Amino acid sequence: MGQSTEVSKAPPERGREERQFLRGPSSRRSEFFRLLRISAEILRGFRILHFEGPCVTVFGSARFGADHPHYQTGRLLGSALAKAGFTVMTGGGPGIMEAANRGAKDAGGRSLGCNIVLPHEQEPNPYVDRWIEFRYFFVRKVMLVKYSYAFVALPGGFGTLDEMFETATLIQTGKISNFPLYLMGVEYWAPMLDFLRERMVKEGTISAGDLQILRVTDDVDEVVEGIRRAATEEFGLTYGPRPKRRWFEPKP
């Protein structure tokens, strides 16, 4: 499968647009045109991703090389998800993201990369079938959530934690249905889970039941079977022909 790319035109200094947006009020004229750009970015994401599913989003660090055990786990996960009929969606960069996309490619499946424009340009890994670039973090995160039936977080840093806890918050508050959210890497996540139990639950900032949102395992088969079961039994996913595209809808 050839790789296709959908890229918004980035400003001369990459990432400048969102920094200007977040630094405070601008003139009403510039805010109006920024709103149009945001709306166009959302619309473009909707059009592109509408026919790309069913997706599972994989979060994880960009800093693991191909010889790292976490990379190998991500690759096995991507392959197993593709074999189960899911499109693998990641941030499209290196590390865990590359591993999951690569695993999907190994199995003959489809995978997507949803990138965020940053000051230091990030190239798509060579295993994505479609690379979509967003200026705004919040638009990108909407797309990663909206079109996924489940979420898997492998070891990662601030970005992974941000994506993981935002997804957990949406589930906790009922903004999205109880889609599976798996954490892979029991040893890696153990100190964080201890903090949640021993500090946050005891202080009452979360309830003990909230911990059930985070399903922790090292077993790829357990993750994929849990996602498959939830998608088919709870959310009504069926296997069959995809809806046909109309003339004005983008091709893969």
Protein backbone atom coordinates (compact mmCIF):
# COMPACT_ATOMS: atom_id res chain seq x y z
CA MET A 1 0.00 0.00 0.00
CA GLY A 2 1.35 3.43 -0.90
CA GLN A 3 1.62 6.10 1.75
CA SER A 4 -0.63 9.12 1.28
CA THR A 5 -0.28 12.40 3.10
CA GLU A 6 -2.70 15.12 4.15
CA VAL A 7 -0.78 18.13 5.44
CA SER A 8 -2.07 21.53 6.47
CA LYS A 9 0.13 24.40 5.37
CA ALA A 10 2.31 25.16 8.36
CA PRO A 11 3.46 28.73 9.03
CA PRO A 12 7.10 29.67 8.33
CA GLU A 13 8.06 28.87 11.92
CA ARG A 14 6.54 25.49 12.74
CA GLY A 15 4.27 25.56 15.77
CA ARG A 16 3.98 29.36 15.82
CA GLU A 17 0.24 29.33 15.07
CA GLU A 18 -0.72 27.47 18.25
CA ARG A 19 1.66 29.53 20.39
CA GLN A 20 -0.03 32.70 19.14
CA PHE A 21 -3.43 31.15 19.84
CA LEU A 22 -2.52 30.27 23.44
CA ARG A 23 -0.71 33.44 24.45
CA GLY A 24 -3.93 35.40 25.01
CA PRO A 25 -6.43 37.57 23.13
CA SER A 26 -5.49 38.94 19.73
CA SER A 27 -7.42 41.38 17.59
CA ARG A 28 -10.97 40.34 16.83
CA ARG A 29 -10.10 40.13 13.14
CA SER A 30 -7.19 37.74 13.71
CA GLU A 31 -9.26 35.66 16.17
CA PHE A 32 -12.02 35.35 13.56
CA PHE A 33 -9.64 34.08 10.89
CA ARG A 34 -7.99 31.75 13.40
CA LEU A 35 -11.43 30.31 14.16
CA LEU A 36 -11.92 29.66 10.44
CA ARG A 37 -8.54 27.86 10.29
CA ILE A 38 -9.46 25.73 13.32
CA SER A 39 -12.84 24.91 11.80
CA ALA A 40 -11.20 23.96 8.51
CA GLU A 41 -8.74 21.71 10.33
CA ILE A 42 -11.56 19.94 12.18
CA LEU A 43 -13.56 19.54 8.97
CA ARG A 44 -10.52 18.14 7.15
CA GLY A 45 -9.95 15.62 9.96
CA PHE A 46 -13.59 14.54 9.87
CA ARG A 47 -13.54 14.04 6.09
CA ILE A 48 -10.30 12.07 6.06
CA LEU A 49 -10.90 9.81 9.05
CA HIS A 50 -14.58 9.04 8.53
CA PHE A 51 -13.87 5.96 6.39
CA GLU A 52 -10.59 4.89 7.98
CA GLY A 53 -11.90 2.77 10.83
CA PRO A 54 -12.58 0.94 12.92
CA CYS A 55 -9.55 2.40 14.67
CA VAL A 56 -7.62 1.67 17.84
CA THR A 57 -5.32 4.45 19.04
CA VAL A 58 -1.91 3.50 20.43
CA PHE A 59 -0.06 6.02 22.62
CA GLY A 60 3.61 5.76 23.60
CA SER A 61 7.05 7.34 23.62
CA ALA A 62 8.90 8.41 20.50
CA ARG A 63 12.25 7.65 22.21
CA PHE A 64 12.45 3.85 22.08
CA GLY A 65 14.58 2.27 19.36
CA ALA A 66 13.71 -0.86 17.41
CA ASP A 67 15.78 -3.07 19.73
CA HIS A 68 13.93 -2.00 22.89
CA PRO A 69 11.46 -4.46 24.48
CA HIS A 70 8.71 -1.79 24.56
CA TYR A 71 9.15 -1.28 20.81
CA GLN A 72 8.81 -5.02 20.28
CA THR A 73 5.62 -5.07 22.35
CA GLY A 74 4.21 -2.21 20.28
CA ARG A 75 4.99 -4.04 17.08
CA LEU A 76 3.31 -7.24 18.28
CA LEU A 77 0.31 -5.20 19.40
CA GLY A 78 -0.02 -3.44 16.04
CA SER A 79 0.13 -6.75 14.21
CA ALA A 80 -2.47 -8.39 16.46
CA LEU A 81 -4.84 -5.42 16.14
CA ALA A 82 -4.55 -5.48 12.36
CA LYS A 83 -5.25 -9.21 12.27
CA ALA A 84 -8.37 -8.56 14.36
CA GLY A 85 -9.61 -6.11 11.71
CA PHE A 86 -8.69 -2.79 13.32
CA THR A 87 -6.92 0.18 11.79
CA VAL A 88 -3.99 1.21 13.98
CA MET A 89 -3.83 4.95 14.68
CA THR A 90 -0.83 6.66 16.29
CA GLY A 91 0.93 10.00 16.31
CA GLY A 92 2.83 8.74 13.28
CA GLY A 93 6.32 9.40 14.63
CA PRO A 94 9.17 7.14 15.76
CA GLY A 95 9.41 4.85 18.80
CA ILE A 96 6.24 3.17 20.01
CA MET A 97 4.24 4.92 17.30
CA GLU A 98 6.44 3.48 14.59
CA ALA A 99 6.33 0.07 16.25
CA ALA A 100 2.52 -0.09 16.25
CA ASN A 101 2.28 1.14 12.64
CA ARG A 102 5.00 -1.31 11.64
CA GLY A 103 3.17 -4.19 13.27
CA ALA A 104 0.01 -3.33 11.36
CA LYS A 105 2.05 -3.25 8.14
CA ASP A 106 3.58 -6.65 9.01
CA ALA A 107 0.09 -8.13 9.15
CA GLY A 108 -1.13 -6.48 5.96
CA GLY A 109 -3.38 -4.10 7.89
CA ARG A 110 -3.93 -0.37 7.65
CA SER A 111 -2.39 2.27 9.89
CA LEU A 112 -2.62 6.03 10.30
CA GLY A 113 -0.37 8.74 11.69
CA CYS A 114 -1.93 11.88 13.21
CA ASN A 115 0.94 14.29 13.73
CA ILE A 116 1.11 17.61 15.56
CA VAL A 117 3.12 20.47 14.07
CA LEU A 118 6.05 21.16 16.42
CA PRO A 119 8.99 23.58 16.25
CA HIS A 120 11.24 20.64 15.32
CA GLU A 121 9.75 18.91 12.30
CA GLN A 122 8.76 15.29 12.79
CA GLU A 123 8.90 13.06 9.76
CA PRO A 124 6.33 10.28 9.33
CA ASN A 125 7.59 6.82 10.05
CA PRO A 126 7.74 4.66 6.90
CA TYR A 127 4.94 2.33 8.00
CA VAL A 128 1.90 4.64 7.93
CA ASP A 129 -0.54 4.40 5.05
CA ARG A 130 -1.82 7.91 5.66
CA TRP A 131 -0.11 10.81 7.44
CA ILE A 132 -2.34 13.63 8.67
CA GLU A 133 -0.82 16.77 10.18
CA PHE A 134 -2.56 19.13 12.63
CA ARG A 135 -1.55 22.54 13.93
CA TYR A 136 -3.53 22.33 17.16
CA PHE A 137 -3.04 19.76 19.92
CA PHE A 138 -6.70 19.84 20.91
CA VAL A 139 -7.89 19.15 17.35
CA ARG A 140 -5.47 16.24 17.05
CA LYS A 141 -6.64 14.75 20.35
CA VAL A 142 -10.27 15.03 19.27
CA MET A 143 -9.46 12.99 16.17
CA LEU A 144 -7.51 10.36 18.11
CA VAL A 145 -10.51 9.89 20.43
CA LYS A 146 -13.46 10.37 18.10
CA TYR A 147 -12.53 7.66 15.64
CA SER A 148 -11.26 4.99 18.04
CA TYR A 149 -13.01 2.05 19.63
CA ALA A 150 -10.25 1.61 22.21
CA PHE A 151 -6.98 3.07 23.46
CA VAL A 152 -3.69 1.45 24.44
CA ALA A 153 -0.93 3.34 26.25
CA LEU A 154 2.55 1.87 26.22
CA PRO A 155 5.37 3.45 28.25
CA GLY A 156 5.85 7.11 27.44
CA GLY A 157 6.45 10.61 28.77
CA PHE A 158 4.45 13.80 29.22
CA GLY A 159 2.63 13.46 25.91
CA THR A 160 1.58 9.88 26.60
CA LEU A 161 0.40 10.80 30.10
CA ASP A 162 -1.55 13.75 28.72
CA GLU A 163 -3.32 11.61 26.13
CA MET A 164 -3.91 8.75 28.55
CA PHE A 165 -5.35 10.85 31.37
CA GLU A 166 -7.47 12.98 29.06
CA THR A 167 -9.00 9.78 27.70
CA ALA A 168 -9.48 8.45 31.25
CA THR A 169 -11.17 11.72 32.25
CA LEU A 170 -13.57 11.53 29.30
CA ILE A 171 -14.50 7.98 30.34
CA GLN A 172 -14.76 8.91 34.03
CA THR A 173 -17.09 11.84 33.31
CA GLY A 174 -19.23 9.94 30.81
CA LYS A 175 -18.24 12.13 27.86
CA ILE A 176 -17.39 8.96 25.96
CA SER A 177 -18.73 5.48 26.58
CA ASN A 178 -16.63 3.08 28.61
CA PHE A 179 -14.26 2.30 25.77
CA PRO A 180 -11.36 0.06 26.78
CA LEU A 181 -8.24 1.90 27.94
CA TYR A 182 -5.30 -0.46 28.40
CA LEU A 183 -1.89 0.28 29.89
CA MET A 184 0.80 -2.08 28.67
CA GLY A 185 3.99 -2.40 30.70
CA VAL A 186 3.02 -3.51 34.21
CA GLU A 187 6.40 -2.73 35.74
CA TYR A 188 6.63 0.69 34.08
CA TRP A 189 3.20 1.85 35.25
CA ALA A 190 3.38 0.32 38.75
CA PRO A 191 4.72 3.44 40.58
CA MET A 192 2.05 5.62 39.00
CA LEU A 193 -0.69 3.18 39.95
CA ASP A 194 0.66 3.04 43.50
CA PHE A 195 0.38 6.84 43.65
CA LEU A 196 -3.20 6.71 42.38
CA ARG A 197 -4.15 4.11 45.01
CA GLU A 198 -2.10 5.30 47.97
CA ARG A 199 -2.49 9.03 47.51
CA MET A 200 -5.37 10.01 45.25
CA VAL A 201 -7.89 7.38 46.35
CA LYS A 202 -7.03 7.90 50.02
CA GLU A 203 -7.30 11.68 49.67
CA GLY A 204 -10.63 11.27 47.89
CA THR A 205 -9.61 13.05 44.69
CA ILE A 206 -10.64 9.96 42.72
CA SER A 207 -12.74 6.98 43.74
CA ALA A 208 -11.49 3.42 43.97
CA GLY A 209 -13.80 2.54 41.10
CA ASP A 210 -12.04 5.03 38.84
CA LEU A 211 -8.98 2.79 38.88
CA GLN A 212 -10.98 0.23 36.91
CA ILE A 213 -10.81 2.56 33.91
CA LEU A 214 -7.12 1.70 33.59
CA ARG A 215 -6.70 -1.94 32.57
CA VAL A 216 -3.08 -2.93 33.13
CA THR A 217 -1.46 -5.94 31.46
CA ASP A 218 1.55 -7.20 29.53
CA ASP A 219 -0.52 -9.67 27.49
CA VAL A 220 -1.09 -8.60 23.88
CA ASP A 221 -3.73 -11.28 23.34
CA GLU A 222 -5.66 -10.10 26.39
CA VAL A 223 -5.67 -6.53 25.08
CA VAL A 224 -6.81 -7.42 21.57
CA GLU A 225 -9.48 -9.86 22.74
CA GLY A 226 -10.82 -7.29 25.21
CA ILE A 227 -10.97 -4.64 22.49
CA ARG A 228 -12.58 -7.01 20.00
CA ARG A 229 -15.20 -8.10 22.52
CA ALA A 230 -16.06 -4.54 23.54
CA ALA A 231 -16.28 -3.37 19.93
CA THR A 232 -18.59 -6.18 18.83
CA GLU A 233 -20.68 -6.87 21.95
CA GLU A 234 -20.92 -3.43 23.56
CA PHE A 235 -20.66 -1.05 20.61
CA GLY A 236 -22.21 -3.10 17.82
CA LEU A 237 -19.25 -3.28 15.46
CA THR A 238 -19.83 -5.83 12.73
CA TYR A 239 -17.53 -7.25 10.07
CA GLY A 240 -18.64 -6.52 6.56
CA PRO A 241 -18.19 -4.19 3.57
CA ARG A 242 -17.33 -0.60 4.35
CA PRO A 243 -19.71 2.23 3.38
CA LYS A 244 -19.14 3.49 -0.14
CA ARG A 245 -17.49 6.85 -0.65
CA ARG A 246 -19.33 9.54 -2.52
CA TRP A 247 -17.74 11.73 -5.17
CA PHE A 248 -16.81 14.56 -2.79
CA GLU A 249 -15.20 12.38 -0.09
CA PRO A 250 -11.41 11.88 0.02
CA LYS A 251 -9.90 8.62 -1.20
CA PRO A 252 -7.40 6.64 0.89
